Amino acid sequence: MTPLDPAVIRRKLGTIVGNLQALKDVADFSTERYQKDLFVRKGTERLLQEVIEAAIDINAHLMTQSGATLPDDYYQGFLGLADLGVLPKNLADALAPSAGLRNRLVHEYDAIVDALLLDAVRKAQVLFPQYVAAIERYLQRKTT
C-alpha cells in the first residue's frame, strides 16, 4: 500500500481547476467560431486532455493508497473510486467516459468532431468541479 500524498493530489487538482478556468470561455463558443482558430482547437484539446489525465492519476494514486487493485483501463478507475466511496456512483458513471475521450485525444484514434469536443468541454465544466470537491472531501476525511 502506497502512503496517501495529499500534496501530489492537490497539485493535480490544481491542474484540473486551472485548466477548467482556461476552458471557461471556450465552453461558450459556437462550433463555427471554434473551428476558425487552430490554436484554440489544439489548446482546447490539450487542456481537456490534461484535466482528464490529472483525474486519472488521482484515481490511480487513491486506489493504490487504499490497497485496491488497479483496473485494466482508465474508465474503470473512475468506477473504482465509487466502489471505494470516494466518488458518488452517479458522478463516477458520468466521468468514466472521459477516459475514452482522453485516449482519442492522445492517440488520435478517430478524427475529433468539433461539436462533440465542445460538448465535452461543457460537461467537464459541470462534472470536474464536482470531482474536485469529492476528492477534497476525501482528503479531509483521511488527513484530519
C-alpha atoms as a PDB file:
ATOM      1  CA  MET A   1       0.000   0.000   0.000  1.00  0.00           C
ATOM      2  CA  THR A   2       1.345   3.414  -1.001  1.00  0.00           C
ATOM      3  CA  PRO A   3       1.003   6.227   1.532  1.00  0.00           C
ATOM      4  CA  LEU A   4      -1.509   8.943   0.724  1.00  0.00           C
ATOM      5  CA  ASP A   5       0.267  12.050  -0.565  1.00  0.00           C
ATOM      6  CA  PRO A   6      -2.152  14.997  -0.307  1.00  0.00           C
ATOM      7  CA  ALA A   7       0.394  17.387  -1.859  1.00  0.00           C
ATOM      8  CA  VAL A   8       0.583  15.343  -5.063  1.00  0.00           C
ATOM      9  CA  ILE A   9      -3.179  15.044  -5.233  1.00  0.00           C
ATOM     10  CA  ARG A  10      -3.726  18.752  -4.594  1.00  0.00           C
ATOM     11  CA  ARG A  11      -1.178  19.679  -7.266  1.00  0.00           C
ATOM     12  CA  LYS A  12      -3.152  17.599  -9.750  1.00  0.00           C
ATOM     13  CA  LEU A  13      -6.427  19.100  -8.512  1.00  0.00           C
ATOM     14  CA  GLY A  14      -4.844  22.494  -9.201  1.00  0.00           C
ATOM     15  CA  THR A  15      -4.212  21.421 -12.783  1.00  0.00           C
ATOM     16  CA  ILE A  16      -7.858  20.451 -13.146  1.00  0.00           C
ATOM     17  CA  VAL A  17      -9.118  23.724 -11.674  1.00  0.00           C
ATOM     18  CA  GLY A  18      -6.684  25.881 -13.663  1.00  0.00           C
ATOM     19  CA  ASN A  19      -7.408  24.155 -16.943  1.00  0.00           C
ATOM     20  CA  LEU A  20     -11.162  24.340 -16.402  1.00  0.00           C
ATOM     21  CA  GLN A  21     -10.787  28.059 -15.815  1.00  0.00           C
ATOM     22  CA  ALA A  22      -8.802  28.396 -19.046  1.00  0.00           C
ATOM     23  CA  LEU A  23     -11.519  26.470 -20.901  1.00  0.00           C
ATOM     24  CA  LYS A  24     -14.386  28.504 -19.467  1.00  0.00           C
ATOM     25  CA  ASP A  25     -14.671  30.924 -22.392  1.00  0.00           C
ATOM     26  CA  VAL A  26     -14.350  28.149 -24.972  1.00  0.00           C
ATOM     27  CA  ALA A  27     -17.416  26.448 -23.485  1.00  0.00           C
ATOM     28  CA  ASP A  28     -19.468  29.371 -24.800  1.00  0.00           C
ATOM     29  CA  PHE A  29     -18.078  29.184 -28.350  1.00  0.00           C
ATOM     30  CA  SER A  30     -20.278  28.133 -31.225  1.00  0.00           C
ATOM     31  CA  THR A  31     -18.917  25.288 -33.311  1.00  0.00           C
ATOM     32  CA  GLU A  32     -18.327  27.720 -36.169  1.00  0.00           C
ATOM     33  CA  ARG A  33     -16.302  30.094 -34.006  1.00  0.00           C
ATOM     34  CA  TYR A  34     -14.336  27.198 -32.517  1.00  0.00           C
ATOM     35  CA  GLN A  35     -13.472  25.790 -35.950  1.00  0.00           C
ATOM     36  CA  LYS A  36     -11.993  29.079 -37.158  1.00  0.00           C
ATOM     37  CA  ASP A  37      -8.932  29.040 -34.906  1.00  0.00           C
ATOM     38  CA  LEU A  38      -6.453  26.159 -34.990  1.00  0.00           C
ATOM     39  CA  PHE A  39      -4.688  27.357 -31.838  1.00  0.00           C
ATOM     40  CA  VAL A  40      -7.943  27.488 -29.907  1.00  0.00           C
ATOM     41  CA  ARG A  41      -8.838  23.976 -31.082  1.00  0.00           C
ATOM     42  CA  LYS A  42      -5.438  22.496 -30.254  1.00  0.00           C
ATOM     43  CA  GLY A  43      -5.230  24.391 -26.971  1.00  0.00           C
ATOM     44  CA  THR A  44      -8.682  23.183 -26.000  1.00  0.00           C
ATOM     45  CA  GLU A  45      -7.783  19.599 -26.800  1.00  0.00           C
ATOM     46  CA  ARG A  46      -4.594  19.781 -24.744  1.00  0.00           C
ATOM     47  CA  LEU A  47      -6.201  21.483 -21.743  1.00  0.00           C
ATOM     48  CA  LEU A  48      -9.042  18.971 -21.699  1.00  0.00           C
ATOM     49  CA  GLN A  49      -6.583  16.096 -22.043  1.00  0.00           C
ATOM     50  CA  GLU A  50      -4.630  17.398 -19.044  1.00  0.00           C
ATOM     51  CA  VAL A  51      -7.824  17.679 -16.966  1.00  0.00           C
ATOM     52  CA  ILE A  52      -8.680  14.061 -17.651  1.00  0.00           C
ATOM     53  CA  GLU A  53      -5.119  12.820 -17.142  1.00  0.00           C
ATOM     54  CA  ALA A  54      -4.837  14.597 -13.795  1.00  0.00           C
ATOM     55  CA  ALA A  55      -8.028  12.853 -12.663  1.00  0.00           C
ATOM     56  CA  ILE A  56      -6.753   9.503 -13.943  1.00  0.00           C
ATOM     57  CA  ASP A  57      -3.536   9.996 -11.967  1.00  0.00           C
ATOM     58  CA  ILE A  58      -5.503  10.883  -8.837  1.00  0.00           C
ATOM     59  CA  ASN A  59      -7.702   7.835  -9.308  1.00  0.00           C
ATOM     60  CA  ALA A  60      -4.666   5.551  -9.534  1.00  0.00           C
ATOM     61  CA  HIS A  61      -2.995   7.164  -6.523  1.00  0.00           C
ATOM     62  CA  LEU A  62      -6.084   6.817  -4.341  1.00  0.00           C
ATOM     63  CA  MET A  63      -6.751   3.257  -5.424  1.00  0.00           C
ATOM     64  CA  THR A  64      -3.139   2.254  -4.793  1.00  0.00           C
ATOM     65  CA  GLN A  65      -3.189   4.029  -1.433  1.00  0.00           C
ATOM     66  CA  SER A  66      -6.289   2.123  -0.423  1.00  0.00           C
ATOM     67  CA  GLY A  67      -4.792  -1.222  -1.373  1.00  0.00           C
ATOM     68  CA  ALA A  68      -7.245  -1.731  -4.231  1.00  0.00           C
ATOM     69  CA  THR A  69      -6.114  -3.449  -7.398  1.00  0.00           C
ATOM     70  CA  LEU A  70      -5.625  -1.013 -10.239  1.00  0.00           C
ATOM     71  CA  PRO A  71      -8.114  -1.641 -13.030  1.00  0.00           C
ATOM     72  CA  ASP A  72      -7.117  -2.592 -16.550  1.00  0.00           C
ATOM     73  CA  ASP A  73      -8.319   0.692 -18.005  1.00  0.00           C
ATOM     74  CA  TYR A  74      -8.847   4.308 -17.045  1.00  0.00           C
ATOM     75  CA  TYR A  75     -12.621   4.072 -17.405  1.00  0.00           C
ATOM     76  CA  GLN A  76     -12.731   1.572 -14.558  1.00  0.00           C
ATOM     77  CA  GLY A  77     -10.542   3.866 -12.452  1.00  0.00           C
ATOM     78  CA  PHE A  78     -13.421   6.299 -12.030  1.00  0.00           C
ATOM     79  CA  LEU A  79     -15.786   3.463 -11.162  1.00  0.00           C
ATOM     80  CA  GLY A  80     -13.225   2.095  -8.713  1.00  0.00           C
ATOM     81  CA  LEU A  81     -13.305   5.355  -6.766  1.00  0.00           C
ATOM     82  CA  ALA A  82     -17.066   4.972  -6.468  1.00  0.00           C
ATOM     83  CA  ASP A  83     -16.570   1.447  -5.143  1.00  0.00           C
ATOM     84  CA  LEU A  84     -14.196   2.879  -2.524  1.00  0.00           C
ATOM     85  CA  GLY A  85     -16.711   5.551  -1.527  1.00  0.00           C
ATOM     86  CA  VAL A  86     -14.552   8.415  -2.788  1.00  0.00           C
ATOM     87  CA  LEU A  87     -16.913   9.465  -5.585  1.00  0.00           C
ATOM     88  CA  PRO A  88     -20.681   9.232  -5.752  1.00  0.00           C
ATOM     89  CA  LYS A  89     -21.664   6.445  -8.171  1.00  0.00           C
ATOM     90  CA  ASN A  90     -23.570   8.766 -10.495  1.00  0.00           C
ATOM     91  CA  LEU A  91     -20.571  11.108 -10.767  1.00  0.00           C
ATOM     92  CA  ALA A  92     -18.177   8.227 -11.444  1.00  0.00           C
ATOM     93  CA  ASP A  93     -20.536   6.912 -14.134  1.00  0.00           C
ATOM     94  CA  ALA A  94     -20.686  10.357 -15.752  1.00  0.00           C
ATOM     95  CA  LEU A  95     -16.905  10.882 -15.629  1.00  0.00           C
ATOM     96  CA  ALA A  96     -15.797   7.413 -16.747  1.00  0.00           C
ATOM     97  CA  PRO A  97     -16.373   8.049 -20.492  1.00  0.00           C
ATOM     98  CA  SER A  98     -13.857  10.906 -20.317  1.00  0.00           C
ATOM     99  CA  ALA A  99     -11.173   8.199 -20.289  1.00  0.00           C
ATOM    100  CA  GLY A 100     -12.150   7.264 -23.829  1.00  0.00           C
ATOM    101  CA  LEU A 101     -12.001  10.899 -24.901  1.00  0.00           C
ATOM    102  CA  ARG A 102      -8.521  11.154 -23.397  1.00  0.00           C
ATOM    103  CA  ASN A 103      -7.443   8.131 -25.449  1.00  0.00           C
ATOM    104  CA  ARG A 104      -8.849   9.626 -28.644  1.00  0.00           C
ATOM    105  CA  LEU A 105      -7.075  12.926 -27.983  1.00  0.00           C
ATOM    106  CA  VAL A 106      -3.734  11.345 -27.139  1.00  0.00           C
ATOM    107  CA  HIS A 107      -3.650   8.585 -29.720  1.00  0.00           C
ATOM    108  CA  GLU A 108      -5.704  10.293 -32.429  1.00  0.00           C
ATOM    109  CA  TYR A 109      -7.766   7.133 -32.911  1.00  0.00           C
ATOM    110  CA  ASP A 110     -10.514   8.978 -34.730  1.00  0.00           C
ATOM    111  CA  ALA A 111     -10.972  12.418 -36.132  1.00  0.00           C
ATOM    112  CA  ILE A 112     -12.097  14.742 -33.379  1.00  0.00           C
ATOM    113  CA  VAL A 113     -15.596  16.057 -34.044  1.00  0.00           C
ATOM    114  CA  ASP A 114     -15.504  19.698 -33.003  1.00  0.00           C
ATOM    115  CA  ALA A 115     -19.106  19.854 -31.823  1.00  0.00           C
ATOM    116  CA  LEU A 116     -18.579  16.786 -29.631  1.00  0.00           C
ATOM    117  CA  LEU A 117     -15.374  18.188 -28.186  1.00  0.00           C
ATOM    118  CA  LEU A 118     -17.144  21.437 -27.312  1.00  0.00           C
ATOM    119  CA  ASP A 119     -19.866  19.386 -25.653  1.00  0.00           C
ATOM    120  CA  ALA A 120     -17.169  17.551 -23.664  1.00  0.00           C
ATOM    121  CA  VAL A 121     -15.762  20.910 -22.538  1.00  0.00           C
ATOM    122  CA  ARG A 122     -19.214  21.954 -21.347  1.00  0.00           C
ATOM    123  CA  LYS A 123     -19.711  18.678 -19.480  1.00  0.00           C
ATOM    124  CA  ALA A 124     -16.240  18.994 -17.938  1.00  0.00           C
ATOM    125  CA  GLN A 125     -17.207  22.430 -16.595  1.00  0.00           C
ATOM    126  CA  VAL A 126     -20.023  20.754 -14.653  1.00  0.00           C
ATOM    127  CA  LEU A 127     -18.573  17.360 -13.726  1.00  0.00           C
ATOM    128  CA  PHE A 128     -14.950  18.016 -12.854  1.00  0.00           C
ATOM    129  CA  PRO A 129     -15.662  20.673 -10.204  1.00  0.00           C
ATOM    130  CA  GLN A 130     -17.802  18.003  -8.520  1.00  0.00           C
ATOM    131  CA  TYR A 131     -14.886  15.585  -8.843  1.00  0.00           C
ATOM    132  CA  VAL A 132     -12.501  18.115  -7.259  1.00  0.00           C
ATOM    133  CA  ALA A 133     -14.925  18.700  -4.376  1.00  0.00           C
ATOM    134  CA  ALA A 134     -15.349  14.961  -3.781  1.00  0.00           C
ATOM    135  CA  ILE A 135     -11.585  14.389  -3.752  1.00  0.00           C
ATOM    136  CA  GLU A 136     -11.111  17.309  -1.336  1.00  0.00           C
ATOM    137  CA  ARG A 137     -13.763  15.864   0.977  1.00  0.00           C
ATOM    138  CA  TYR A 138     -11.982  12.519   0.865  1.00  0.00           C
ATOM    139  CA  LEU A 139      -8.620  14.158   1.654  1.00  0.00           C
ATOM    140  CA  GLN A 140     -10.189  15.994   4.578  1.00  0.00           C
ATOM    141  CA  ARG A 141     -11.523  12.729   5.988  1.00  0.00           C
ATOM    142  CA  LYS A 142      -8.196  10.954   5.542  1.00  0.00           C
ATOM    143  CA  THR A 143      -5.883  13.691   6.812  1.00  0.00           C
ATOM    144  CA  THR A 144      -7.763  15.006   9.837  1.00  0.00           C
END
